[in-house]
Protein backbone atom coordinates (compact mmCIF):
# COMPACT_ATOMS: atom_id res chain seq x y z
CA UNK A 1 0.00 0.00 0.00
CA UNK A 2 1.26 3.46 -0.98
CA UNK A 3 -0.11 6.92 -0.30
CA UNK A 4 0.18 9.04 -3.44
CA UNK A 5 -0.48 12.77 -3.85
CA UNK A 6 -3.39 13.79 -6.07
CA UNK A 7 -2.77 17.52 -5.69
CA UNK A 8 -1.29 19.66 -2.97
CA UNK A 9 -0.33 18.33 0.42
CA UNK A 10 -3.90 17.77 1.51
CA UNK A 11 -5.43 15.47 -1.11
CA UNK A 12 -3.99 11.98 -1.47
CA UNK A 13 -5.02 8.52 -2.56
CA UNK A 14 -4.20 4.95 -1.57
CA UNK A 15 -2.65 2.65 -4.15
CA UNK A 16 -3.09 -0.92 -3.01
CA UNK A 17 -0.20 -3.34 -3.45
CA UNK A 18 -0.36 -5.07 -6.83
CA UNK A 19 -2.72 -2.48 -8.35
CA UNK A 20 -1.69 -0.30 -11.30
CA UNK A 21 -3.73 2.75 -10.26
CA UNK A 22 -4.43 4.62 -7.08
CA UNK A 23 -8.04 4.52 -5.89
CA UNK A 24 -8.95 8.06 -6.96
CA UNK A 25 -7.95 7.40 -10.58
CA UNK A 26 -9.39 3.85 -10.52
CA UNK A 27 -12.85 5.18 -9.63
CA UNK A 28 -12.84 7.67 -12.50
CA UNK A 29 -11.36 5.15 -14.95
CA UNK A 30 -14.20 2.74 -14.19
CA UNK A 31 -16.88 5.44 -14.29
CA UNK A 32 -15.62 6.56 -17.71
CA UNK A 33 -15.47 3.04 -19.17
CA UNK A 34 -18.71 2.13 -21.00
CA UNK A 35 -17.84 -1.60 -21.01
CA UNK A 36 -17.24 -1.62 -17.25
CA UNK A 37 -20.48 0.32 -16.72
CA UNK A 38 -22.51 -2.04 -18.90
CA UNK A 39 -21.24 -5.05 -16.95
CA UNK A 40 -21.83 -3.25 -13.63
CA UNK A 41 -25.41 -2.28 -14.47
CA UNK A 42 -26.16 -5.75 -15.87
CA UNK A 43 -25.01 -7.26 -12.55
CA UNK A 44 -27.04 -4.68 -10.62
CA UNK A 45 -30.10 -4.56 -12.89
CA UNK A 46 -32.53 -5.07 -9.99
CA UNK A 47 -31.10 -2.09 -8.07
CA UNK A 48 -31.08 0.03 -11.23
CA UNK A 49 -34.79 -0.66 -11.76
CA UNK A 50 -35.55 1.31 -8.57
CA UNK A 51 -34.18 4.37 -10.41
CA UNK A 52 -36.57 3.69 -13.35
CA UNK A 53 -33.70 3.64 -15.85
CA UNK A 54 -32.56 1.21 -18.49
CA UNK A 55 -28.91 0.21 -18.77
CA UNK A 56 -28.13 2.47 -21.75
CA UNK A 57 -29.52 5.54 -19.96
CA UNK A 58 -27.66 4.62 -16.75
CA UNK A 59 -24.39 4.36 -18.69
CA UNK A 60 -24.98 7.73 -20.36
CA UNK A 61 -25.88 9.37 -17.04
CA UNK A 62 -22.87 7.84 -15.27
CA UNK A 63 -20.50 9.10 -17.97
CA UNK A 64 -22.03 12.57 -17.56
CA UNK A 65 -21.87 12.40 -13.73
CA UNK A 66 -18.24 11.24 -13.86
CA UNK A 67 -17.26 14.13 -16.14
CA UNK A 68 -18.97 16.69 -13.89
CA UNK A 69 -17.51 15.08 -10.76
CA UNK A 70 -13.98 15.08 -12.23
CA UNK A 71 -14.38 18.72 -13.24
CA UNK A 72 -15.06 19.60 -9.58
CA UNK A 73 -11.66 18.20 -8.69
CA UNK A 74 -9.93 19.82 -11.65
CA UNK A 75 -11.30 23.21 -10.62
CA UNK A 76 -10.06 22.63 -7.07
CA UNK A 77 -6.61 21.72 -8.35
CA UNK A 78 -6.52 24.76 -10.67
CA UNK A 79 -7.17 27.21 -7.86
CA UNK A 80 -5.18 25.30 -5.26
CA UNK A 81 -3.95 27.10 -2.20
CA UNK A 82 -3.63 25.25 1.09
CA UNK A 83 -6.37 27.12 2.95
CA UNK A 84 -8.78 27.17 0.02
CA UNK A 85 -8.44 23.47 -0.72
CA UNK A 86 -8.96 22.42 2.90
CA UNK A 87 -12.06 24.61 3.18
CA UNK A 88 -13.54 23.29 -0.07
CA UNK A 89 -12.72 19.65 0.70
CA UNK A 90 -14.35 20.06 4.12
CA UNK A 91 -17.46 21.39 2.35
CA UNK A 92 -17.52 18.60 -0.26
CA UNK A 93 -17.05 15.65 2.08
CA UNK A 94 -19.73 14.57 4.52
CA UNK A 95 -19.80 11.93 7.27
CA UNK A 96 -20.08 8.36 6.08
CA UNK A 97 -22.00 7.39 9.21
CA UNK A 98 -23.91 9.42 11.79
CA UNK A 99 -21.70 9.41 14.89
CA UNK A 100 -21.42 11.01 18.26
CA UNK A 101 -19.18 14.03 18.57
CA UNK A 102 -16.98 12.14 21.03
CA UNK A 103 -15.81 9.62 18.42
CA UNK A 104 -12.09 9.73 17.63
CA UNK A 105 -12.50 7.68 14.45
CA UNK A 106 -15.33 8.78 12.18
CA UNK A 107 -16.24 8.47 8.47
CA UNK A 108 -16.98 10.79 5.52
CA UNK A 109 -18.03 10.64 1.87
CA UNK A 110 -18.44 12.75 -1.23
CA UNK A 111 -21.44 11.90 -3.32
CA UNK A 112 -22.41 13.02 -6.77
CA UNK A 113 -25.70 11.43 -7.63
CA UNK A 114 -24.93 7.69 -7.36
CA UNK A 115 -21.15 8.09 -7.61
CA UNK A 116 -19.26 7.89 -4.32
CA UNK A 117 -15.69 8.53 -3.22
CA UNK A 118 -14.61 7.36 0.24
CA UNK A 119 -11.74 8.79 2.25
CA UNK A 120 -10.07 9.06 5.61
CA UNK A 121 -9.75 12.61 6.87
CA UNK A 122 -6.75 13.05 9.15
CA UNK A 123 -6.63 15.92 11.62
CA UNK A 124 -9.19 17.83 9.51
CA UNK A 125 -6.59 18.82 6.94
CA UNK A 126 -5.53 15.76 4.93
CA UNK A 127 -7.85 13.55 2.90
CA UNK A 128 -6.73 10.09 1.77
CA UNK A 129 -9.01 8.49 -0.84
CA UNK A 130 -9.52 4.80 -0.08
CA UNK A 131 -11.94 3.95 -2.90
CA UNK A 132 -15.25 4.67 -4.50
CA UNK A 133 -18.12 3.07 -6.36
CA UNK A 134 -21.56 3.44 -7.84
CA UNK A 135 -24.06 3.19 -4.99
CA UNK A 136 -27.59 2.36 -6.13
CA UNK A 137 -28.95 1.20 -2.74
CA UNK A 138 -29.62 3.05 0.49
CA UNK A 139 -27.22 1.11 2.75
CA UNK A 140 -23.64 0.16 1.93
CA UNK A 141 -24.17 -3.21 3.64
CA UNK A 142 -26.78 -4.12 1.00
CA UNK A 143 -24.36 -5.01 -1.82
CA UNK A 144 -21.04 -6.78 -2.19
CA UNK A 145 -19.31 -3.94 -4.12
CA UNK A 146 -20.15 -1.39 -1.41
CA UNK A 147 -19.12 -3.79 1.35
CA UNK A 148 -15.73 -4.05 -0.39
CA UNK A 149 -15.39 -0.25 -0.10
CA UNK A 150 -16.15 -0.39 3.63
CA UNK A 151 -13.51 -3.09 4.05
CA UNK A 152 -10.98 -1.02 2.08
CA UNK A 153 -11.59 1.95 4.36
CA UNK A 154 -11.03 -0.18 7.46
CA UNK A 155 -8.01 -1.90 5.93
CA UNK A 156 -6.39 1.46 5.11
CA UNK A 157 -7.03 2.73 8.62
CA UNK A 158 -5.60 -0.45 10.17
CA UNK A 159 -2.50 -0.27 7.94
CA UNK A 160 -1.88 3.41 8.71
CA UNK A 161 -2.04 2.60 12.43
CA UNK A 162 0.13 -0.53 12.08
CA UNK A 163 2.79 1.32 10.08
CA UNK A 164 2.87 4.18 12.58
CA UNK A 165 1.82 6.78 9.99
CA UNK A 166 -0.98 7.72 12.37
CA UNK A 167 -1.69 6.80 15.98
CA UNK A 168 -4.74 6.52 18.22
CA UNK A 169 -4.40 10.23 19.10
CA UNK A 170 -4.65 11.30 15.46
CA UNK A 171 -8.11 12.61 14.73
CA UNK A 172 -9.43 10.40 11.96
CA UNK A 173 -12.70 10.70 10.11
CA UNK A 174 -13.99 8.33 7.42
CA UNK A 175 -15.67 10.45 4.80
CA UNK A 176 -17.73 10.10 1.63
CA UNK A 177 -18.02 12.44 -1.31
């Protein structure tokens, strides 16, 4: 596992051992790949039906969502300054789970329609992307591909602790965009 910079000192991504891409770029590669999307929506046809869409429309919408989502990040990178990026990332990401304010380890996400990016937020200034997916159901525990993302988040956290990159006193928040 490596931690790679996406832009600036505050926005990073995990690259799992044996993988050719970091998680941030993997998510966008998959969401921009019509063949991947067709296979994904075929496998998740039942969940897609709750959105009242056929597979072709879902692919078209996902390609559009991915482009708009990527453009958000490109605009952040273009106007990067440390304070601005932290403020905007804090506004984009939201908690992954509802938690009490006393929790030391919490979760966040960024969501753009059904696209999700998951990250660990360290000390409220550094975001490390751990993965992302298309989420068609309400709960992450409902489908195998979203459960994998939860496991990746936990695995990254455990590895960062084990390697001494962070410790129990580091404020950690799991986030979703």
